Amino acid sequence: MHMVKRQVKTLAAGALILYAAFLLKLILFKQIPLMETPSHFAGLSRDMIQQNLAYSNWTPFATVKRYLMVAETRPGLMIPNLIGNFAGFIPFGILVPMLFKKCRSGWRMLLLSFTFSMLLECIQLSLVLGVFDVDDILLNTAGGAVGYVLYWLGKKTVKK
């Protein structure tokens, strides 16, 4: 049994590393090919950051509302943004508590999902890698919470 737990942890660690690499590419480097990243950073200016700040969404649910209003006519906009932001953090909520005992509390995972999402959004804003959107943080956090619930349910099922 102990060896099975170790194998599960090893698989979870590998999955977390692959997931983190995928998430960073998807969130931080979606607009810039990796080979062009150094030239992007070299060309950063205060004006670019201020312009990016002006495009930011600081109003909760404004982006969600906007996408839901055009969902019927343009579903291709809603699915990657809303569902992607939500579903993208579900693995985070599952894998992190599998690997770290201190993260096996629902509140702690909620806070960790929020903090990690906020960090990614702040990096996007300050390095002009994307637009800061408070709705992304809310959707990511909700996805992390659902992932934690799935982890918790799975743990209860395995114990039976």
Protein backbone atom coordinates (compact mmCIF):
# COMPACT_ATOMS: atom_id res chain seq x y z
CA MET A 1 0.00 0.00 0.00
CA HIS A 2 2.85 2.37 0.88
CA MET A 3 4.44 1.78 -2.54
CA VAL A 4 1.13 2.55 -4.28
CA LYS A 5 0.90 5.87 -2.41
CA ARG A 6 4.44 6.72 -3.47
CA GLN A 7 3.65 5.89 -7.11
CA VAL A 8 0.50 8.02 -6.99
CA LYS A 9 2.50 10.93 -5.53
CA THR A 10 5.16 10.54 -8.22
CA LEU A 11 2.51 10.57 -10.94
CA ALA A 12 0.81 13.57 -9.33
CA ALA A 13 4.13 15.44 -9.15
CA GLY A 14 4.80 14.77 -12.83
CA ALA A 15 1.26 15.82 -13.70
CA LEU A 16 1.64 19.04 -11.67
CA ILE A 17 4.88 19.92 -13.48
CA LEU A 18 3.32 19.31 -16.91
CA TYR A 19 0.16 21.16 -15.88
CA ALA A 20 2.17 24.16 -14.60
CA ALA A 21 4.16 24.35 -17.85
CA PHE A 22 0.95 24.14 -19.90
CA LEU A 23 -0.77 26.77 -17.73
CA LEU A 24 2.16 29.19 -17.96
CA LYS A 25 2.26 28.84 -21.74
CA LEU A 26 -1.51 29.25 -21.99
CA ILE A 27 -1.81 32.24 -19.65
CA LEU A 28 1.48 34.10 -19.86
CA PHE A 29 2.83 33.27 -23.30
CA LYS A 30 -0.31 32.79 -25.39
CA GLN A 31 0.31 35.91 -27.49
CA ILE A 32 4.07 35.65 -27.82
CA PRO A 33 5.97 32.71 -29.35
CA LEU A 34 8.54 31.49 -26.82
CA MET A 35 11.40 32.28 -29.22
CA GLU A 36 10.30 35.95 -29.31
CA THR A 37 10.04 36.33 -25.52
CA PRO A 38 13.48 37.98 -25.01
CA SER A 39 12.74 40.67 -27.61
CA HIS A 40 9.32 41.29 -26.03
CA PHE A 41 10.87 41.94 -22.62
CA ALA A 42 13.62 44.10 -24.11
CA GLY A 43 10.99 46.32 -25.75
CA LEU A 44 8.88 46.89 -22.63
CA SER A 45 8.23 50.51 -21.71
CA ARG A 46 6.32 52.38 -19.05
CA ASP A 47 3.87 53.56 -21.73
CA MET A 48 3.13 49.96 -22.75
CA ILE A 49 2.43 49.01 -19.14
CA GLN A 50 0.19 52.07 -18.61
CA GLN A 51 -1.73 51.27 -21.79
CA ASN A 52 -2.15 47.67 -20.62
CA LEU A 53 -3.40 48.98 -17.28
CA ALA A 54 -6.01 51.08 -19.10
CA TYR A 55 -7.38 47.93 -20.80
CA SER A 56 -7.66 46.04 -17.51
CA ASN A 57 -11.01 44.95 -16.07
CA TRP A 58 -11.32 45.77 -12.38
CA THR A 59 -15.12 45.33 -12.20
CA PRO A 60 -16.20 41.88 -10.99
CA PHE A 61 -18.36 39.97 -13.50
CA ALA A 62 -18.08 42.65 -16.24
CA THR A 63 -16.28 40.28 -18.62
CA VAL A 64 -18.53 37.37 -17.66
CA LYS A 65 -21.60 39.51 -18.39
CA ARG A 66 -20.18 40.67 -21.72
CA TYR A 67 -19.43 37.11 -22.87
CA LEU A 68 -22.81 35.80 -21.75
CA MET A 69 -24.55 38.56 -23.74
CA VAL A 70 -22.88 37.42 -26.97
CA ALA A 71 -22.92 33.68 -26.17
CA GLU A 72 -25.69 32.83 -28.63
CA THR A 73 -24.25 34.72 -31.55
CA ARG A 74 -20.55 34.09 -30.84
CA PRO A 75 -20.09 30.99 -28.65
CA GLY A 76 -16.48 30.75 -29.83
CA LEU A 77 -15.66 33.75 -27.64
CA MET A 78 -17.28 32.49 -24.46
CA ILE A 79 -16.00 28.92 -24.36
CA PRO A 80 -12.23 29.56 -24.36
CA ASN A 81 -12.46 32.50 -21.98
CA LEU A 82 -15.09 31.66 -19.37
CA ILE A 83 -14.98 27.88 -19.44
CA GLY A 84 -11.23 27.83 -20.04
CA ASN A 85 -10.51 30.04 -17.03
CA PHE A 86 -12.77 27.93 -14.84
CA ALA A 87 -11.69 24.49 -16.08
CA GLY A 88 -8.04 25.48 -16.29
CA PHE A 89 -7.71 25.61 -12.52
CA ILE A 90 -9.56 22.37 -11.70
CA PRO A 91 -6.31 20.32 -11.96
CA PHE A 92 -4.65 22.81 -9.57
CA GLY A 93 -7.34 22.06 -6.96
CA ILE A 94 -6.81 18.33 -7.37
CA LEU A 95 -3.04 18.00 -7.69
CA VAL A 96 -1.82 20.46 -5.04
CA PRO A 97 -3.59 18.77 -2.07
CA MET A 98 -2.49 15.36 -3.39
CA LEU A 99 1.13 16.46 -3.00
CA PHE A 100 1.11 18.83 -0.04
CA LYS A 101 -0.52 17.89 3.28
CA LYS A 102 -0.72 21.53 4.37
CA CYS A 103 -2.98 22.22 1.37
CA ARG A 104 -5.68 19.72 2.32
CA SER A 105 -8.00 22.31 3.80
CA GLY A 106 -10.76 23.77 1.64
CA TRP A 107 -10.11 27.31 2.85
CA ARG A 108 -6.39 26.98 2.29
CA MET A 109 -6.92 25.71 -1.26
CA LEU A 110 -9.38 28.52 -1.95
CA LEU A 111 -6.82 31.07 -0.78
CA LEU A 112 -4.01 29.35 -2.70
CA SER A 113 -6.07 29.24 -5.92
CA PHE A 114 -6.91 32.93 -5.52
CA THR A 115 -3.29 33.87 -4.77
CA PHE A 116 -1.81 31.87 -7.65
CA SER A 117 -4.37 33.31 -10.08
CA MET A 118 -3.75 36.85 -8.80
CA LEU A 119 0.00 36.32 -9.26
CA LEU A 120 -0.49 35.22 -12.88
CA GLU A 121 -2.77 38.19 -13.62
CA CYS A 122 -0.29 40.64 -12.07
CA ILE A 123 2.54 39.15 -14.13
CA GLN A 124 0.41 39.53 -17.27
CA LEU A 125 -0.28 43.15 -16.39
CA SER A 126 3.23 44.21 -15.43
CA LEU A 127 5.05 42.37 -18.24
CA VAL A 128 2.38 43.16 -20.87
CA LEU A 129 1.80 39.47 -21.55
CA GLY A 130 -1.97 39.82 -21.45
CA VAL A 131 -4.70 41.94 -19.92
CA PHE A 132 -5.47 41.91 -16.20
CA ASP A 133 -9.07 40.78 -15.63
CA VAL A 134 -10.56 40.36 -12.17
CA ASP A 135 -13.07 37.90 -13.66
CA ASP A 136 -10.20 35.59 -14.61
CA ILE A 137 -9.21 35.53 -10.94
CA LEU A 138 -12.78 34.74 -9.86
CA LEU A 139 -13.18 31.98 -12.47
CA ASN A 140 -9.74 30.50 -11.74
CA THR A 141 -10.47 30.50 -8.00
CA ALA A 142 -13.84 28.82 -8.55
CA GLY A 143 -12.16 26.20 -10.75
CA GLY A 144 -9.54 25.54 -8.07
CA ALA A 145 -12.32 25.17 -5.48
CA VAL A 146 -14.20 22.67 -7.67
CA GLY A 147 -10.94 20.79 -8.19
CA TYR A 148 -10.47 20.62 -4.43
CA VAL A 149 -14.03 19.28 -3.97
CA LEU A 150 -13.28 16.60 -6.59
CA TYR A 151 -10.04 15.74 -4.74
CA TRP A 152 -11.96 15.53 -1.44
CA LEU A 153 -14.72 13.35 -2.95
CA GLY A 154 -12.11 11.09 -4.56
CA LYS A 155 -10.26 10.76 -1.27
CA LYS A 156 -13.49 9.80 0.54
CA THR A 157 -14.35 7.25 -2.17
CA VAL A 158 -10.90 5.63 -2.05
CA LYS A 159 -11.07 5.29 1.76
CA LYS A 160 -14.31 3.27 1.49
